[in-house]
C-alpha cells in the first residue's frame, strides 16, 4: 500500500509538471499500468487511475471492455424437461463494465448524455435484433445485465472517485480473475453545469501471457487440430486413470 501511495504522489507530480506544458488542460488522467497480463496463476488485480482537474466539476470514469455478440436464451419447462425456447442476440455488447464518480448523490447530466457516454449500467448501449418487440427485447436485456453482473463482468453499483486536495483525484479499478481479454477503453469525463466539458480516453490492454497464451493462440489459429489433440489427451487421461485404478 505504501508503494502504491508513493507511486500516486510521483504521478501527481508528473501531471502537475505536464499541465504547464500542455497549456492548462481542464482534465488530465492516466493509469498506473496500461497492461494486465493474464498468466496461469492470475487471481485478479487492481489498477489505479489518477489525475487532476483545473476547474470545478464532477469526475466520472467509465471502463468498457471489448465488444462482443451475446445470445440470451430463455428456458421453459416442457413435459418436465427444461429446454431452450426463445432467444435474442445482442451485438456490440461491452464484455466488461465499471463506472465510478465523485458525485455520489446523483450526477448532473441529462439522460441523453448519460446514454451517450454509457454512464450507469442501465445506459449501456447494445443492439438488439431489428424488428423485435421492445418489451421482449427489454426482458432479454435485463437477463443479459443480470448474467454479466453474476459472473463479475458488470458492476451495477458505481465506484467512488476520491478527491485529493480539491484538484486531484484517484480511483481503483478492480480486475477480476475471469476478466475477458482484449483492448479496453477507460473514459474519464469532467462534468460541470449539466454537461461534459472535457473527456479523455485511455487504452487498457488485457492479454494472456506465458504457456497459457500459447495454447490460446494455437486454439484460435488451428481449431481443428486443437480439438483433435484435446480429444486425444482426454482419451489418454481416461485410459491412464482406468489402468491406475486396476492396479490399486
C-alpha atoms as a PDB file:
ATOM      1  CA  UNK A   1       0.000   0.000   0.000  1.00  0.00           C
ATOM      2  CA  UNK A   2       2.854   2.406   0.841  1.00  0.00           C
ATOM      3  CA  UNK A   3       4.401   1.722  -2.561  1.00  0.00           C
ATOM      4  CA  UNK A   4       1.070   2.498  -4.230  1.00  0.00           C
ATOM      5  CA  UNK A   5       0.762   5.785  -2.317  1.00  0.00           C
ATOM      6  CA  UNK A   6       4.328   6.738  -3.226  1.00  0.00           C
ATOM      7  CA  UNK A   7       3.652   5.943  -6.873  1.00  0.00           C
ATOM      8  CA  UNK A   8       0.476   8.042  -6.743  1.00  0.00           C
ATOM      9  CA  UNK A   9       2.436  11.002  -5.352  1.00  0.00           C
ATOM     10  CA  UNK A  10       5.081  10.714  -8.073  1.00  0.00           C
ATOM     11  CA  UNK A  11       2.440  10.511 -10.804  1.00  0.00           C
ATOM     12  CA  UNK A  12       0.670  13.588  -9.485  1.00  0.00           C
ATOM     13  CA  UNK A  13       3.951  15.472  -9.554  1.00  0.00           C
ATOM     14  CA  UNK A  14       4.412  14.477 -13.189  1.00  0.00           C
ATOM     15  CA  UNK A  15       0.852  15.517 -14.005  1.00  0.00           C
ATOM     16  CA  UNK A  16       1.350  18.875 -12.370  1.00  0.00           C
ATOM     17  CA  UNK A  17       4.514  19.461 -14.383  1.00  0.00           C
ATOM     18  CA  UNK A  18       2.956  18.294 -17.653  1.00  0.00           C
ATOM     19  CA  UNK A  19      -0.030  20.558 -17.073  1.00  0.00           C
ATOM     20  CA  UNK A  20       2.214  23.582 -17.535  1.00  0.00           C
ATOM     21  CA  UNK A  21       3.438  22.114 -20.817  1.00  0.00           C
ATOM     22  CA  UNK A  22       0.065  21.284 -22.371  1.00  0.00           C
ATOM     23  CA  UNK A  23      -1.446  24.647 -21.520  1.00  0.00           C
ATOM     24  CA  UNK A  24      -3.832  24.149 -18.619  1.00  0.00           C
ATOM     25  CA  UNK A  25      -5.944  21.282 -19.934  1.00  0.00           C
ATOM     26  CA  UNK A  26      -9.161  21.118 -17.866  1.00  0.00           C
ATOM     27  CA  UNK A  27      -8.718  17.364 -17.331  1.00  0.00           C
ATOM     28  CA  UNK A  28      -5.662  15.095 -17.236  1.00  0.00           C
ATOM     29  CA  UNK A  29      -5.873  11.397 -16.290  1.00  0.00           C
ATOM     30  CA  UNK A  30      -3.825   8.224 -16.621  1.00  0.00           C
ATOM     31  CA  UNK A  31      -3.476   4.647 -15.350  1.00  0.00           C
ATOM     32  CA  UNK A  32      -0.605   3.294 -13.282  1.00  0.00           C
ATOM     33  CA  UNK A  33      -0.394   0.443 -15.801  1.00  0.00           C
ATOM     34  CA  UNK A  34      -1.804   0.032 -19.308  1.00  0.00           C
ATOM     35  CA  UNK A  35      -1.293  -3.738 -19.409  1.00  0.00           C
ATOM     36  CA  UNK A  36      -2.895  -6.555 -17.438  1.00  0.00           C
ATOM     37  CA  UNK A  37      -1.007  -9.801 -18.078  1.00  0.00           C
ATOM     38  CA  UNK A  38      -3.106 -12.954 -17.637  1.00  0.00           C
ATOM     39  CA  UNK A  39      -0.938 -15.878 -16.562  1.00  0.00           C
ATOM     40  CA  UNK A  40      -1.774 -19.360 -15.279  1.00  0.00           C
ATOM     41  CA  UNK A  41      -1.797 -18.136 -11.676  1.00  0.00           C
ATOM     42  CA  UNK A  42      -3.691 -14.879 -12.269  1.00  0.00           C
ATOM     43  CA  UNK A  43      -6.162 -14.175  -9.437  1.00  0.00           C
ATOM     44  CA  UNK A  44      -7.186 -10.637 -10.345  1.00  0.00           C
ATOM     45  CA  UNK A  45      -5.571  -7.267  -9.832  1.00  0.00           C
ATOM     46  CA  UNK A  46      -6.263  -3.645  -9.010  1.00  0.00           C
ATOM     47  CA  UNK A  47      -5.358  -0.680 -11.200  1.00  0.00           C
ATOM     48  CA  UNK A  48      -5.028   2.927 -10.113  1.00  0.00           C
ATOM     49  CA  UNK A  49      -6.464   5.745 -12.218  1.00  0.00           C
ATOM     50  CA  UNK A  50      -5.305   9.192 -11.160  1.00  0.00           C
ATOM     51  CA  UNK A  51      -5.461  12.726 -12.490  1.00  0.00           C
ATOM     52  CA  UNK A  52      -6.174  16.385 -11.962  1.00  0.00           C
ATOM     53  CA  UNK A  53      -8.776  18.959 -12.984  1.00  0.00           C
ATOM     54  CA  UNK A  54      -8.357  22.701 -13.496  1.00  0.00           C
ATOM     55  CA  UNK A  55     -11.914  23.750 -12.718  1.00  0.00           C
ATOM     56  CA  UNK A  56     -14.838  22.769 -10.536  1.00  0.00           C
ATOM     57  CA  UNK A  57     -16.948  19.791 -11.534  1.00  0.00           C
ATOM     58  CA  UNK A  58     -17.563  16.093 -11.038  1.00  0.00           C
ATOM     59  CA  UNK A  59     -15.266  13.398 -12.393  1.00  0.00           C
ATOM     60  CA  UNK A  60     -16.705  10.252 -13.994  1.00  0.00           C
ATOM     61  CA  UNK A  61     -14.683   7.191 -15.021  1.00  0.00           C
ATOM     62  CA  UNK A  62     -16.196   4.585 -17.374  1.00  0.00           C
ATOM     63  CA  UNK A  63     -14.288   1.348 -18.052  1.00  0.00           C
ATOM     64  CA  UNK A  64     -15.564  -0.634 -21.037  1.00  0.00           C
ATOM     65  CA  UNK A  65     -14.283  -3.975 -22.320  1.00  0.00           C
ATOM     66  CA  UNK A  66     -14.036  -5.153 -25.938  1.00  0.00           C
ATOM     67  CA  UNK A  67     -17.335  -5.520 -27.779  1.00  0.00           C
ATOM     68  CA  UNK A  68     -18.867  -8.970 -28.273  1.00  0.00           C
ATOM     69  CA  UNK A  69     -22.047 -10.600 -29.584  1.00  0.00           C
ATOM     70  CA  UNK A  70     -24.155 -12.279 -26.907  1.00  0.00           C
ATOM     71  CA  UNK A  71     -27.127 -14.612 -27.363  1.00  0.00           C
ATOM     72  CA  UNK A  72     -29.554 -14.743 -24.445  1.00  0.00           C
ATOM     73  CA  UNK A  73     -31.836 -17.785 -24.269  1.00  0.00           C
ATOM     74  CA  UNK A  74     -34.929 -18.378 -22.187  1.00  0.00           C
ATOM     75  CA  UNK A  75     -35.554 -21.832 -20.768  1.00  0.00           C
ATOM     76  CA  UNK A  76     -39.097 -23.168 -20.388  1.00  0.00           C
ATOM     77  CA  UNK A  77     -40.264 -26.350 -18.706  1.00  0.00           C
ATOM     78  CA  UNK A  78     -41.930 -28.694 -21.205  1.00  0.00           C
ATOM     79  CA  UNK A  79     -43.145 -32.134 -20.084  1.00  0.00           C
ATOM     80  CA  UNK A  80     -40.913 -31.910 -17.033  1.00  0.00           C
ATOM     81  CA  UNK A  81     -37.795 -31.051 -19.052  1.00  0.00           C
ATOM     82  CA  UNK A  82     -36.102 -27.654 -19.221  1.00  0.00           C
ATOM     83  CA  UNK A  83     -35.407 -26.709 -22.854  1.00  0.00           C
ATOM     84  CA  UNK A  84     -34.281 -23.554 -24.651  1.00  0.00           C
ATOM     85  CA  UNK A  85     -37.180 -21.722 -26.263  1.00  0.00           C
ATOM     86  CA  UNK A  86     -36.926 -18.073 -27.319  1.00  0.00           C
ATOM     87  CA  UNK A  87     -33.592 -16.331 -27.807  1.00  0.00           C
ATOM     88  CA  UNK A  88     -32.359 -12.835 -28.635  1.00  0.00           C
ATOM     89  CA  UNK A  89     -28.922 -11.940 -29.986  1.00  0.00           C
ATOM     90  CA  UNK A  90     -27.354  -8.652 -28.931  1.00  0.00           C
ATOM     91  CA  UNK A  91     -24.407  -7.169 -30.813  1.00  0.00           C
ATOM     92  CA  UNK A  92     -21.694  -4.713 -29.733  1.00  0.00           C
ATOM     93  CA  UNK A  93     -22.108  -5.599 -26.062  1.00  0.00           C
ATOM     94  CA  UNK A  94     -19.250  -4.454 -23.782  1.00  0.00           C
ATOM     95  CA  UNK A  95     -17.675  -7.586 -22.313  1.00  0.00           C
ATOM     96  CA  UNK A  96     -16.730  -5.685 -19.151  1.00  0.00           C
ATOM     97  CA  UNK A  97     -18.120  -2.571 -17.462  1.00  0.00           C
ATOM     98  CA  UNK A  98     -17.279  -0.408 -14.474  1.00  0.00           C
ATOM     99  CA  UNK A  99     -18.208   3.174 -13.603  1.00  0.00           C
ATOM    100  CA  UNK A 100     -17.023   5.438 -10.789  1.00  0.00           C
ATOM    101  CA  UNK A 101     -17.749   9.070  -9.955  1.00  0.00           C
ATOM    102  CA  UNK A 102     -17.224  11.816  -7.417  1.00  0.00           C
ATOM    103  CA  UNK A 103     -20.977  12.523  -7.494  1.00  0.00           C
ATOM    104  CA  UNK A 104     -22.433  10.067  -5.004  1.00  0.00           C
ATOM    105  CA  UNK A 105     -25.796  11.851  -4.745  1.00  0.00           C
ATOM    106  CA  UNK A 106     -26.686  11.910  -8.425  1.00  0.00           C
ATOM    107  CA  UNK A 107     -24.855  13.193 -11.477  1.00  0.00           C
ATOM    108  CA  UNK A 108     -25.986  16.482 -13.006  1.00  0.00           C
ATOM    109  CA  UNK A 109     -26.394  15.259 -16.576  1.00  0.00           C
ATOM    110  CA  UNK A 110     -29.435  14.829 -18.867  1.00  0.00           C
ATOM    111  CA  UNK A 111     -30.468  11.295 -19.792  1.00  0.00           C
ATOM    112  CA  UNK A 112     -29.220  11.789 -23.359  1.00  0.00           C
ATOM    113  CA  UNK A 113     -25.683  12.491 -22.111  1.00  0.00           C
ATOM    114  CA  UNK A 114     -25.814   9.556 -19.692  1.00  0.00           C
ATOM    115  CA  UNK A 115     -26.792   7.304 -22.579  1.00  0.00           C
ATOM    116  CA  UNK A 116     -24.197   8.752 -24.949  1.00  0.00           C
ATOM    117  CA  UNK A 117     -21.349   8.192 -22.506  1.00  0.00           C
ATOM    118  CA  UNK A 118     -22.843   4.940 -21.117  1.00  0.00           C
ATOM    119  CA  UNK A 119     -22.849   6.201 -17.534  1.00  0.00           C
ATOM    120  CA  UNK A 120     -24.727   3.669 -15.411  1.00  0.00           C
ATOM    121  CA  UNK A 121     -25.437   0.037 -16.160  1.00  0.00           C
ATOM    122  CA  UNK A 122     -28.916   0.910 -17.441  1.00  0.00           C
ATOM    123  CA  UNK A 123     -27.334   3.145 -20.101  1.00  0.00           C
ATOM    124  CA  UNK A 124     -25.030   0.554 -21.665  1.00  0.00           C
ATOM    125  CA  UNK A 125     -25.592   0.523 -25.414  1.00  0.00           C
ATOM    126  CA  UNK A 126     -26.311  -2.838 -27.030  1.00  0.00           C
ATOM    127  CA  UNK A 127     -28.024  -3.591 -30.317  1.00  0.00           C
ATOM    128  CA  UNK A 128     -30.951  -5.994 -30.340  1.00  0.00           C
ATOM    129  CA  UNK A 129     -32.481  -7.669 -33.405  1.00  0.00           C
ATOM    130  CA  UNK A 130     -34.190  -5.373 -35.905  1.00  0.00           C
ATOM    131  CA  UNK A 131     -37.964  -5.567 -35.859  1.00  0.00           C
ATOM    132  CA  UNK A 132     -38.205  -7.261 -32.467  1.00  0.00           C
ATOM    133  CA  UNK A 133     -40.822  -6.102 -29.982  1.00  0.00           C
ATOM    134  CA  UNK A 134     -39.451  -3.578 -27.497  1.00  0.00           C
ATOM    135  CA  UNK A 135     -40.890  -5.289 -24.404  1.00  0.00           C
ATOM    136  CA  UNK A 136     -39.454  -8.662 -25.440  1.00  0.00           C
ATOM    137  CA  UNK A 137     -36.010  -7.163 -26.075  1.00  0.00           C
ATOM    138  CA  UNK A 138     -36.146  -5.359 -22.714  1.00  0.00           C
ATOM    139  CA  UNK A 139     -36.784  -8.651 -20.903  1.00  0.00           C
ATOM    140  CA  UNK A 140     -33.785 -10.324 -22.523  1.00  0.00           C
ATOM    141  CA  UNK A 141     -31.640  -7.213 -21.970  1.00  0.00           C
ATOM    142  CA  UNK A 142     -32.391  -7.356 -18.248  1.00  0.00           C
ATOM    143  CA  UNK A 143     -31.373 -11.023 -18.251  1.00  0.00           C
ATOM    144  CA  UNK A 144     -28.110 -10.178 -20.030  1.00  0.00           C
ATOM    145  CA  UNK A 145     -27.249  -7.476 -17.490  1.00  0.00           C
ATOM    146  CA  UNK A 146     -28.120  -9.858 -14.666  1.00  0.00           C
ATOM    147  CA  UNK A 147     -25.908 -12.615 -16.081  1.00  0.00           C
ATOM    148  CA  UNK A 148     -22.975 -10.254 -16.637  1.00  0.00           C
ATOM    149  CA  UNK A 149     -23.320  -8.993 -13.076  1.00  0.00           C
ATOM    150  CA  UNK A 150     -23.450 -12.536 -11.681  1.00  0.00           C
ATOM    151  CA  UNK A 151     -20.133 -13.535 -13.292  1.00  0.00           C
ATOM    152  CA  UNK A 152     -18.499 -10.287 -12.137  1.00  0.00           C
ATOM    153  CA  UNK A 153     -18.026  -8.640 -15.533  1.00  0.00           C
ATOM    154  CA  UNK A 154     -20.509  -5.832 -14.762  1.00  0.00           C
ATOM    155  CA  UNK A 155     -20.930  -3.880 -11.544  1.00  0.00           C
ATOM    156  CA  UNK A 156     -24.280  -2.071 -11.149  1.00  0.00           C
ATOM    157  CA  UNK A 157     -23.020  -0.047  -8.171  1.00  0.00           C
ATOM    158  CA  UNK A 158     -20.888   2.982  -9.135  1.00  0.00           C
ATOM    159  CA  UNK A 159     -17.468   3.142  -7.540  1.00  0.00           C
ATOM    160  CA  UNK A 160     -16.029   6.171  -5.781  1.00  0.00           C
ATOM    161  CA  UNK A 161     -13.627   8.680  -7.295  1.00  0.00           C
ATOM    162  CA  UNK A 162     -11.752  10.266  -4.407  1.00  0.00           C
ATOM    163  CA  UNK A 163     -10.727  13.907  -4.428  1.00  0.00           C
ATOM    164  CA  UNK A 164      -7.306  14.850  -3.106  1.00  0.00           C
ATOM    165  CA  UNK A 165      -6.613  18.491  -2.329  1.00  0.00           C
ATOM    166  CA  UNK A 166      -9.509  19.829  -4.392  1.00  0.00           C
ATOM    167  CA  UNK A 167      -7.993  19.416  -7.876  1.00  0.00           C
ATOM    168  CA  UNK A 168      -6.512  15.928  -7.682  1.00  0.00           C
ATOM    169  CA  UNK A 169      -8.484  12.690  -7.926  1.00  0.00           C
ATOM    170  CA  UNK A 170      -7.966   8.942  -7.934  1.00  0.00           C
ATOM    171  CA  UNK A 171      -9.963   5.719  -8.109  1.00  0.00           C
ATOM    172  CA  UNK A 172      -9.244   1.991  -8.104  1.00  0.00           C
ATOM    173  CA  UNK A 173     -10.337  -0.314 -10.928  1.00  0.00           C
ATOM    174  CA  UNK A 174     -10.790  -3.916  -9.776  1.00  0.00           C
ATOM    175  CA  UNK A 175      -9.952  -6.507 -12.435  1.00  0.00           C
ATOM    176  CA  UNK A 176     -11.353  -9.988 -11.599  1.00  0.00           C
ATOM    177  CA  UNK A 177      -9.612 -13.271 -12.334  1.00  0.00           C
ATOM    178  CA  UNK A 178     -12.093 -14.133 -15.112  1.00  0.00           C
ATOM    179  CA  UNK A 179     -11.682 -10.815 -16.944  1.00  0.00           C
ATOM    180  CA  UNK A 180     -12.172 -11.054 -20.745  1.00  0.00           C
ATOM    181  CA  UNK A 181      -9.037 -10.430 -22.799  1.00  0.00           C
ATOM    182  CA  UNK A 182      -8.782  -7.659 -25.372  1.00  0.00           C
ATOM    183  CA  UNK A 183      -8.449  -3.885 -25.653  1.00  0.00           C
ATOM    184  CA  UNK A 184     -10.373  -1.810 -23.118  1.00  0.00           C
ATOM    185  CA  UNK A 185     -11.235   1.891 -23.094  1.00  0.00           C
ATOM    186  CA  UNK A 186     -11.106   3.962 -19.923  1.00  0.00           C
ATOM    187  CA  UNK A 187     -13.025   7.195 -20.453  1.00  0.00           C
ATOM    188  CA  UNK A 188     -12.585   9.971 -17.893  1.00  0.00           C
ATOM    189  CA  UNK A 189     -15.127  12.807 -18.010  1.00  0.00           C
ATOM    190  CA  UNK A 190     -15.343  16.208 -16.346  1.00  0.00           C
ATOM    191  CA  UNK A 191     -18.953  17.268 -15.746  1.00  0.00           C
ATOM    192  CA  UNK A 192     -19.950  20.842 -14.986  1.00  0.00           C
ATOM    193  CA  UNK A 193     -23.336  22.612 -15.033  1.00  0.00           C
ATOM    194  CA  UNK A 194     -25.175  19.707 -16.627  1.00  0.00           C
ATOM    195  CA  UNK A 195     -22.737  18.983 -19.463  1.00  0.00           C
ATOM    196  CA  UNK A 196     -19.473  17.205 -20.196  1.00  0.00           C
ATOM    197  CA  UNK A 197     -16.834  19.915 -20.639  1.00  0.00           C
ATOM    198  CA  UNK A 198     -13.806  17.658 -21.087  1.00  0.00           C
ATOM    199  CA  UNK A 199     -13.089  13.992 -21.795  1.00  0.00           C
ATOM    200  CA  UNK A 200     -10.031  11.804 -22.095  1.00  0.00           C
ATOM    201  CA  UNK A 201      -9.816   8.198 -23.324  1.00  0.00           C
ATOM    202  CA  UNK A 202      -7.045   5.939 -22.062  1.00  0.00           C
ATOM    203  CA  UNK A 203      -6.367   2.461 -23.521  1.00  0.00           C
ATOM    204  CA  UNK A 204      -6.006  -0.635 -21.374  1.00  0.00           C
ATOM    205  CA  UNK A 205      -4.753  -3.951 -22.736  1.00  0.00           C
ATOM    206  CA  UNK A 206      -5.674  -7.285 -21.154  1.00  0.00           C
ATOM    207  CA  UNK A 207      -3.555 -10.045 -22.701  1.00  0.00           C
ATOM    208  CA  UNK A 208      -2.711 -13.657 -21.995  1.00  0.00           C
ATOM    209  CA  UNK A 209       0.961 -14.302 -21.250  1.00  0.00           C
ATOM    210  CA  UNK A 210       3.115 -17.405 -20.857  1.00  0.00           C
ATOM    211  CA  UNK A 211       2.262 -21.009 -21.744  1.00  0.00           C
ATOM    212  CA  UNK A 212      -1.498 -20.449 -21.464  1.00  0.00           C
ATOM    213  CA  UNK A 213      -1.192 -17.700 -24.087  1.00  0.00           C
ATOM    214  CA  UNK A 214       0.489 -20.127 -26.500  1.00  0.00           C
ATOM    215  CA  UNK A 215      -2.327 -22.634 -26.057  1.00  0.00           C
ATOM    216  CA  UNK A 216      -4.913 -19.890 -26.524  1.00  0.00           C
ATOM    217  CA  UNK A 217      -3.298 -18.664 -29.759  1.00  0.00           C
ATOM    218  CA  UNK A 218      -2.935 -22.160 -31.201  1.00  0.00           C
ATOM    219  CA  UNK A 219      -6.561 -22.961 -30.373  1.00  0.00           C
ATOM    220  CA  UNK A 220      -7.665 -19.955 -32.435  1.00  0.00           C
ATOM    221  CA  UNK A 221      -5.166 -20.417 -35.270  1.00  0.00           C
ATOM    222  CA  UNK A 222      -5.728 -24.183 -35.631  1.00  0.00           C
ATOM    223  CA  UNK A 223      -9.108 -25.015 -34.069  1.00  0.00           C
ATOM    224  CA  UNK A 224      -9.474 -28.422 -35.756  1.00  0.00           C
ATOM    225  CA  UNK A 225      -6.010 -29.570 -34.707  1.00  0.00           C
ATOM    226  CA  UNK A 226      -6.608 -28.249 -31.201  1.00  0.00           C
ATOM    227  CA  UNK A 227      -9.867 -30.228 -30.998  1.00  0.00           C
ATOM    228  CA  UNK A 228      -8.194 -33.437 -32.146  1.00  0.00           C
ATOM    229  CA  UNK A 229      -5.359 -33.032 -29.636  1.00  0.00           C
ATOM    230  CA  UNK A 230      -7.825 -32.254 -26.844  1.00  0.00           C
ATOM    231  CA  UNK A 231      -9.845 -35.399 -27.620  1.00  0.00           C
ATOM    232  CA  UNK A 232      -6.664 -37.493 -27.768  1.00  0.00           C
ATOM    233  CA  UNK A 233      -5.417 -36.151 -24.429  1.00  0.00           C
ATOM    234  CA  UNK A 234      -8.811 -36.715 -22.814  1.00  0.00           C
ATOM    235  CA  UNK A 235      -8.887 -40.303 -24.070  1.00  0.00           C
ATOM    236  CA  UNK A 236      -5.313 -40.912 -22.933  1.00  0.00           C
ATOM    237  CA  UNK A 237      -6.106 -39.492 -19.487  1.00  0.00           C
ATOM    238  CA  UNK A 238      -9.130 -41.792 -19.236  1.00  0.00           C
ATOM    239  CA  UNK A 239      -7.098 -44.867 -20.155  1.00  0.00           C
ATOM    240  CA  UNK A 240      -4.355 -43.898 -17.707  1.00  0.00           C
ATOM    241  CA  UNK A 241      -6.873 -43.428 -14.906  1.00  0.00           C
ATOM    242  CA  UNK A 242      -8.500 -46.778 -15.696  1.00  0.00           C
ATOM    243  CA  UNK A 243      -5.091 -48.502 -15.630  1.00  0.00           C
ATOM    244  CA  UNK A 244      -4.204 -46.850 -12.327  1.00  0.00           C
ATOM    245  CA  UNK A 245      -7.458 -47.927 -10.670  1.00  0.00           C
ATOM    246  CA  UNK A 246      -6.905 -51.526 -11.767  1.00  0.00           C
ATOM    247  CA  UNK A 247      -3.503 -51.508 -10.091  1.00  0.00           C
ATOM    248  CA  UNK A 248      -4.961 -50.337  -6.779  1.00  0.00           C
END
